[in-house]
Amino acid sequence: MRWEFKINNPYESRRAEGERIRREYPDRCAVIVERAPNSRIADLPSKKYLVPNDLTVGQFYFLIRKRIQLRPEDALFFFVNNTIPSTSITMGELYQQHADEDKFLYVAYSDESVYG
């Protein structure tokens, strides 16, 4: 996936910001959330989130659903490195497993369970 955040921000500045966030907020993880290609769901007003490490992926789903203002019957899927993460793990665990070299975790969302 082409991440708009990566395109608009050079690696050095992303890395510096990611390291600063980890230093200042060790109990949180920096997450970039962007709409997957071909998704019919609206764009989020903000793409950058500072998420508590102990928040579960399921709780994060709820937060994003609220921000997008999805109806209960509308589907929402997350993709991290082309896989759908388990809703029971924490965002901190997901960050440890999948954080990019720039110290951000990249999450794509879609209304379909097929990526791309």
N, C-alpha and C. Protein backbone atom coordinates (compact mmCIF):
# COMPACT_ATOMS: atom_id res chain seq x y z
N MET A 1 0.85 -1.18 0.00
CA MET A 1 0.00 0.00 0.00
C MET A 1 0.89 1.24 0.00
N ARG A 2 0.46 2.23 -0.72
CA ARG A 2 1.15 3.53 -0.71
C ARG A 2 0.59 4.34 0.44
N TRP A 3 1.41 4.58 1.43
CA TRP A 3 0.99 5.33 2.61
C TRP A 3 1.18 6.81 2.36
N GLU A 4 0.08 7.55 2.40
CA GLU A 4 0.11 9.00 2.19
C GLU A 4 1.05 9.67 3.20
N PHE A 5 1.04 9.19 4.44
CA PHE A 5 1.90 9.76 5.48
C PHE A 5 3.37 9.61 5.10
N LYS A 6 3.73 8.46 4.55
CA LYS A 6 5.13 8.24 4.14
C LYS A 6 5.49 9.09 2.94
N ILE A 7 4.56 9.26 2.02
CA ILE A 7 4.82 10.06 0.82
C ILE A 7 5.02 11.53 1.19
N ASN A 8 4.20 12.03 2.11
CA ASN A 8 4.23 13.45 2.47
C ASN A 8 5.28 13.83 3.51
N ASN A 9 5.90 12.84 4.15
CA ASN A 9 6.88 13.11 5.21
C ASN A 9 8.14 12.29 4.96
N PRO A 10 9.29 12.94 4.81
CA PRO A 10 10.52 12.18 4.56
C PRO A 10 10.86 11.26 5.74
N TYR A 11 11.55 10.18 5.42
CA TYR A 11 11.89 9.17 6.42
C TYR A 11 12.56 9.77 7.65
N GLU A 12 13.52 10.66 7.46
CA GLU A 12 14.28 11.21 8.59
C GLU A 12 13.36 11.94 9.58
N SER A 13 12.41 12.70 9.06
CA SER A 13 11.51 13.43 9.96
C SER A 13 10.52 12.49 10.63
N ARG A 14 10.04 11.46 9.90
CA ARG A 14 9.15 10.46 10.50
C ARG A 14 9.88 9.72 11.62
N ARG A 15 11.10 9.31 11.35
CA ARG A 15 11.89 8.57 12.34
C ARG A 15 12.15 9.42 13.58
N ALA A 16 12.53 10.68 13.38
CA ALA A 16 12.78 11.59 14.51
C ALA A 16 11.51 11.77 15.33
N GLU A 17 10.38 11.96 14.66
CA GLU A 17 9.12 12.13 15.38
C GLU A 17 8.73 10.85 16.12
N GLY A 18 8.90 9.70 15.46
CA GLY A 18 8.59 8.41 16.09
C GLY A 18 9.43 8.16 17.33
N GLU A 19 10.73 8.48 17.24
CA GLU A 19 11.62 8.30 18.40
C GLU A 19 11.26 9.27 19.53
N ARG A 20 10.92 10.50 19.18
CA ARG A 20 10.52 11.49 20.19
C ARG A 20 9.26 11.03 20.92
N ILE A 21 8.29 10.52 20.17
CA ILE A 21 7.05 10.04 20.77
C ILE A 21 7.33 8.88 21.72
N ARG A 22 8.19 7.95 21.31
CA ARG A 22 8.52 6.79 22.17
C ARG A 22 9.21 7.25 23.45
N ARG A 23 10.04 8.28 23.34
CA ARG A 23 10.75 8.82 24.52
C ARG A 23 9.78 9.52 25.47
N GLU A 24 8.94 10.38 24.91
CA GLU A 24 8.03 11.19 25.73
C GLU A 24 6.82 10.42 26.24
N TYR A 25 6.39 9.41 25.50
CA TYR A 25 5.21 8.64 25.87
C TYR A 25 5.50 7.13 25.78
N PRO A 26 6.30 6.60 26.70
CA PRO A 26 6.68 5.19 26.61
C PRO A 26 5.50 4.22 26.79
N ASP A 27 4.40 4.70 27.34
CA ASP A 27 3.22 3.85 27.55
C ASP A 27 2.22 3.94 26.40
N ARG A 28 2.64 4.58 25.31
CA ARG A 28 1.75 4.74 24.14
C ARG A 28 2.50 4.37 22.85
N CYS A 29 1.73 4.10 21.81
CA CYS A 29 2.35 3.82 20.51
C CYS A 29 1.78 4.77 19.46
N ALA A 30 2.64 5.16 18.55
CA ALA A 30 2.26 6.06 17.46
C ALA A 30 1.69 5.22 16.31
N VAL A 31 0.46 5.52 15.94
CA VAL A 31 -0.23 4.72 14.92
C VAL A 31 -0.71 5.64 13.79
N ILE A 32 -0.43 5.22 12.57
CA ILE A 32 -0.93 5.91 11.38
C ILE A 32 -2.07 5.04 10.83
N VAL A 33 -3.24 5.63 10.68
CA VAL A 33 -4.42 4.89 10.20
C VAL A 33 -4.88 5.55 8.91
N GLU A 34 -4.85 4.77 7.82
CA GLU A 34 -5.26 5.29 6.52
C GLU A 34 -6.22 4.31 5.85
N ARG A 35 -7.05 4.87 5.00
CA ARG A 35 -8.03 4.07 4.25
C ARG A 35 -7.31 3.23 3.20
N ALA A 36 -7.69 1.97 3.10
CA ALA A 36 -7.11 1.07 2.10
C ALA A 36 -7.61 1.45 0.71
N PRO A 37 -6.81 1.14 -0.32
CA PRO A 37 -7.26 1.42 -1.69
C PRO A 37 -8.58 0.69 -1.97
N ASN A 38 -9.44 1.30 -2.73
CA ASN A 38 -10.73 0.73 -3.14
C ASN A 38 -11.75 0.61 -2.01
N SER A 39 -11.44 1.10 -0.83
CA SER A 39 -12.40 1.09 0.26
C SER A 39 -13.46 2.16 0.03
N ARG A 40 -14.69 1.83 0.39
CA ARG A 40 -15.79 2.78 0.21
C ARG A 40 -16.07 3.58 1.49
N ILE A 41 -15.27 3.35 2.51
CA ILE A 41 -15.45 4.06 3.78
C ILE A 41 -14.79 5.44 3.67
N ALA A 42 -15.36 6.39 4.39
CA ALA A 42 -14.84 7.76 4.37
C ALA A 42 -13.44 7.84 4.98
N ASP A 43 -12.72 8.89 4.60
CA ASP A 43 -11.41 9.16 5.21
C ASP A 43 -11.59 9.63 6.63
N LEU A 44 -10.62 9.31 7.46
CA LEU A 44 -10.60 9.81 8.84
C LEU A 44 -10.17 11.27 8.84
N PRO A 45 -10.68 12.07 9.76
CA PRO A 45 -10.24 13.46 9.84
C PRO A 45 -8.76 13.57 10.25
N SER A 46 -8.31 12.62 11.04
CA SER A 46 -6.90 12.59 11.46
C SER A 46 -6.34 11.22 11.16
N LYS A 47 -5.11 11.17 10.71
CA LYS A 47 -4.48 9.89 10.39
C LYS A 47 -3.51 9.43 11.48
N LYS A 48 -3.12 10.34 12.36
CA LYS A 48 -2.11 10.05 13.37
C LYS A 48 -2.78 9.91 14.74
N TYR A 49 -2.47 8.80 15.42
CA TYR A 49 -3.06 8.54 16.73
C TYR A 49 -1.98 8.12 17.72
N LEU A 50 -2.12 8.58 18.95
CA LEU A 50 -1.24 8.19 20.04
C LEU A 50 -2.09 7.30 20.94
N VAL A 51 -1.85 5.99 20.88
CA VAL A 51 -2.73 5.00 21.46
C VAL A 51 -2.09 4.35 22.68
N PRO A 52 -2.83 4.19 23.79
CA PRO A 52 -2.28 3.49 24.95
C PRO A 52 -1.87 2.06 24.58
N ASN A 53 -0.72 1.63 25.08
CA ASN A 53 -0.23 0.28 24.79
C ASN A 53 -1.20 -0.81 25.22
N ASP A 54 -1.96 -0.56 26.31
CA ASP A 54 -2.83 -1.61 26.84
C ASP A 54 -4.23 -1.61 26.22
N LEU A 55 -4.49 -0.72 25.27
CA LEU A 55 -5.77 -0.73 24.55
C LEU A 55 -5.78 -1.94 23.62
N THR A 56 -6.88 -2.69 23.61
CA THR A 56 -6.93 -3.84 22.70
C THR A 56 -7.25 -3.38 21.28
N VAL A 57 -6.93 -4.22 20.32
CA VAL A 57 -7.26 -3.92 18.92
C VAL A 57 -8.78 -3.76 18.79
N GLY A 58 -9.55 -4.58 19.52
CA GLY A 58 -11.00 -4.47 19.50
C GLY A 58 -11.48 -3.11 19.97
N GLN A 59 -10.87 -2.58 21.02
CA GLN A 59 -11.23 -1.25 21.51
C GLN A 59 -10.83 -0.18 20.50
N PHE A 60 -9.70 -0.39 19.83
CA PHE A 60 -9.27 0.56 18.80
C PHE A 60 -10.24 0.55 17.62
N TYR A 61 -10.75 -0.65 17.25
CA TYR A 61 -11.79 -0.74 16.22
C TYR A 61 -12.96 0.17 16.59
N PHE A 62 -13.40 0.06 17.84
CA PHE A 62 -14.55 0.85 18.30
C PHE A 62 -14.26 2.35 18.17
N LEU A 63 -13.07 2.75 18.57
CA LEU A 63 -12.67 4.16 18.49
C LEU A 63 -12.70 4.66 17.04
N ILE A 64 -12.14 3.88 16.13
CA ILE A 64 -12.09 4.27 14.72
C ILE A 64 -13.50 4.26 14.11
N ARG A 65 -14.30 3.26 14.46
CA ARG A 65 -15.69 3.22 13.97
C ARG A 65 -16.43 4.49 14.34
N LYS A 66 -16.21 4.95 15.58
CA LYS A 66 -16.86 6.16 16.07
C LYS A 66 -16.37 7.39 15.29
N ARG A 67 -15.06 7.45 15.03
CA ARG A 67 -14.50 8.60 14.30
C ARG A 67 -15.00 8.66 12.87
N ILE A 68 -15.19 7.50 12.25
CA ILE A 68 -15.67 7.45 10.87
C ILE A 68 -17.20 7.60 10.83
N GLN A 69 -17.84 7.39 11.96
CA GLN A 69 -19.29 7.43 12.10
C GLN A 69 -19.96 6.32 11.27
N LEU A 70 -19.44 5.11 11.44
CA LEU A 70 -20.03 3.96 10.76
C LEU A 70 -21.29 3.50 11.49
N ARG A 71 -22.24 3.00 10.74
CA ARG A 71 -23.43 2.40 11.33
C ARG A 71 -23.07 1.02 11.88
N PRO A 72 -23.81 0.52 12.86
CA PRO A 72 -23.49 -0.80 13.44
C PRO A 72 -23.45 -1.93 12.41
N GLU A 73 -24.26 -1.82 11.37
CA GLU A 73 -24.30 -2.91 10.38
C GLU A 73 -23.18 -2.81 9.33
N ASP A 74 -22.43 -1.71 9.33
CA ASP A 74 -21.34 -1.53 8.37
C ASP A 74 -20.08 -2.28 8.83
N ALA A 75 -19.45 -2.97 7.91
CA ALA A 75 -18.24 -3.74 8.22
C ALA A 75 -17.02 -2.82 8.26
N LEU A 76 -16.07 -3.20 9.11
CA LEU A 76 -14.79 -2.51 9.19
C LEU A 76 -13.71 -3.54 9.44
N PHE A 77 -12.66 -3.51 8.63
CA PHE A 77 -11.54 -4.42 8.78
C PHE A 77 -10.25 -3.63 8.87
N PHE A 78 -9.35 -4.09 9.73
CA PHE A 78 -8.01 -3.51 9.83
C PHE A 78 -7.03 -4.44 9.15
N PHE A 79 -5.99 -3.85 8.57
CA PHE A 79 -4.90 -4.62 7.99
C PHE A 79 -3.58 -4.05 8.48
N VAL A 80 -2.74 -4.92 8.97
CA VAL A 80 -1.39 -4.54 9.39
C VAL A 80 -0.45 -5.49 8.66
N ASN A 81 0.37 -4.95 7.80
CA ASN A 81 1.25 -5.78 6.96
C ASN A 81 0.47 -6.86 6.22
N ASN A 82 -0.65 -6.46 5.63
CA ASN A 82 -1.50 -7.33 4.80
C ASN A 82 -2.21 -8.44 5.55
N THR A 83 -2.26 -8.39 6.88
CA THR A 83 -2.98 -9.38 7.66
C THR A 83 -3.99 -8.67 8.57
N ILE A 84 -5.03 -9.39 8.94
CA ILE A 84 -6.04 -8.86 9.86
C ILE A 84 -5.61 -9.22 11.27
N PRO A 85 -5.36 -8.23 12.13
CA PRO A 85 -4.89 -8.54 13.49
C PRO A 85 -6.03 -9.07 14.37
N SER A 86 -5.66 -9.87 15.35
CA SER A 86 -6.62 -10.38 16.33
C SER A 86 -7.13 -9.23 17.18
N THR A 87 -8.42 -9.22 17.45
CA THR A 87 -9.00 -8.13 18.24
C THR A 87 -8.65 -8.25 19.72
N SER A 88 -8.13 -9.39 20.15
CA SER A 88 -7.85 -9.58 21.57
C SER A 88 -6.45 -9.13 21.99
N ILE A 89 -5.54 -8.91 21.05
CA ILE A 89 -4.20 -8.47 21.45
C ILE A 89 -4.20 -6.97 21.69
N THR A 90 -3.21 -6.51 22.43
CA THR A 90 -3.14 -5.08 22.71
C THR A 90 -2.43 -4.35 21.56
N MET A 91 -2.68 -3.07 21.50
CA MET A 91 -2.02 -2.25 20.49
C MET A 91 -0.51 -2.25 20.74
N GLY A 92 -0.09 -2.33 21.99
CA GLY A 92 1.33 -2.41 22.32
C GLY A 92 1.97 -3.67 21.74
N GLU A 93 1.27 -4.80 21.84
CA GLU A 93 1.78 -6.05 21.26
C GLU A 93 1.84 -5.94 19.75
N LEU A 94 0.79 -5.37 19.16
CA LEU A 94 0.75 -5.20 17.71
C LEU A 94 1.90 -4.29 17.26
N TYR A 95 2.14 -3.24 18.03
CA TYR A 95 3.24 -2.32 17.73
C TYR A 95 4.58 -3.05 17.79
N GLN A 96 4.79 -3.84 18.84
CA GLN A 96 6.06 -4.57 18.99
C GLN A 96 6.29 -5.52 17.81
N GLN A 97 5.22 -6.13 17.32
CA GLN A 97 5.33 -7.10 16.23
C GLN A 97 5.46 -6.45 14.84
N HIS A 98 4.85 -5.27 14.66
CA HIS A 98 4.71 -4.74 13.30
C HIS A 98 5.14 -3.30 13.09
N ALA A 99 5.74 -2.66 14.08
CA ALA A 99 6.13 -1.25 13.90
C ALA A 99 7.14 -1.13 12.76
N ASP A 100 7.00 -0.08 12.00
CA ASP A 100 7.91 0.22 10.90
C ASP A 100 9.24 0.72 11.46
N GLU A 101 10.23 0.77 10.61
CA GLU A 101 11.55 1.29 11.03
C GLU A 101 11.48 2.73 11.49
N ASP A 102 10.46 3.47 11.05
CA ASP A 102 10.33 4.87 11.45
C ASP A 102 9.62 5.03 12.81
N LYS A 103 9.35 3.90 13.48
CA LYS A 103 8.74 3.87 14.82
C LYS A 103 7.25 4.16 14.83
N PHE A 104 6.60 4.06 13.67
CA PHE A 104 5.15 4.18 13.60
C PHE A 104 4.56 2.82 13.24
N LEU A 105 3.36 2.56 13.73
CA LEU A 105 2.60 1.37 13.34
C LEU A 105 1.61 1.83 12.27
N TYR A 106 1.59 1.15 11.13
CA TYR A 106 0.72 1.52 10.02
C TYR A 106 -0.46 0.56 9.95
N VAL A 107 -1.67 1.12 10.02
CA VAL A 107 -2.91 0.34 9.99
C VAL A 107 -3.77 0.86 8.85
N ALA A 108 -4.15 -0.04 7.96
CA ALA A 108 -5.08 0.31 6.88
C ALA A 108 -6.46 -0.20 7.28
N TYR A 109 -7.50 0.53 6.87
CA TYR A 109 -8.86 0.07 7.17
C TYR A 109 -9.67 0.02 5.88
N SER A 110 -10.64 -0.90 5.89
CA SER A 110 -11.47 -1.09 4.70
C SER A 110 -12.83 -1.65 5.11
N ASP A 111 -13.76 -1.60 4.18
CA ASP A 111 -15.07 -2.19 4.40
C ASP A 111 -15.13 -3.61 3.86
N GLU A 112 -14.03 -4.10 3.32
CA GLU A 112 -13.96 -5.47 2.81
C GLU A 112 -12.81 -6.20 3.46
N SER A 113 -12.97 -7.52 3.61
CA SER A 113 -11.94 -8.31 4.29
C SER A 113 -10.81 -8.74 3.37
N VAL A 114 -10.80 -8.23 2.14
CA VAL A 114 -9.72 -8.53 1.19
C VAL A 114 -8.90 -7.27 1.03
N TYR A 115 -7.60 -7.39 1.22
CA TYR A 115 -6.71 -6.23 1.18
C TYR A 115 -6.36 -5.87 -0.26
N GLY A 116 -6.40 -4.55 -0.56
CA GLY A 116 -5.91 -4.04 -1.83
C GLY A 116 -6.77 -4.24 -3.00
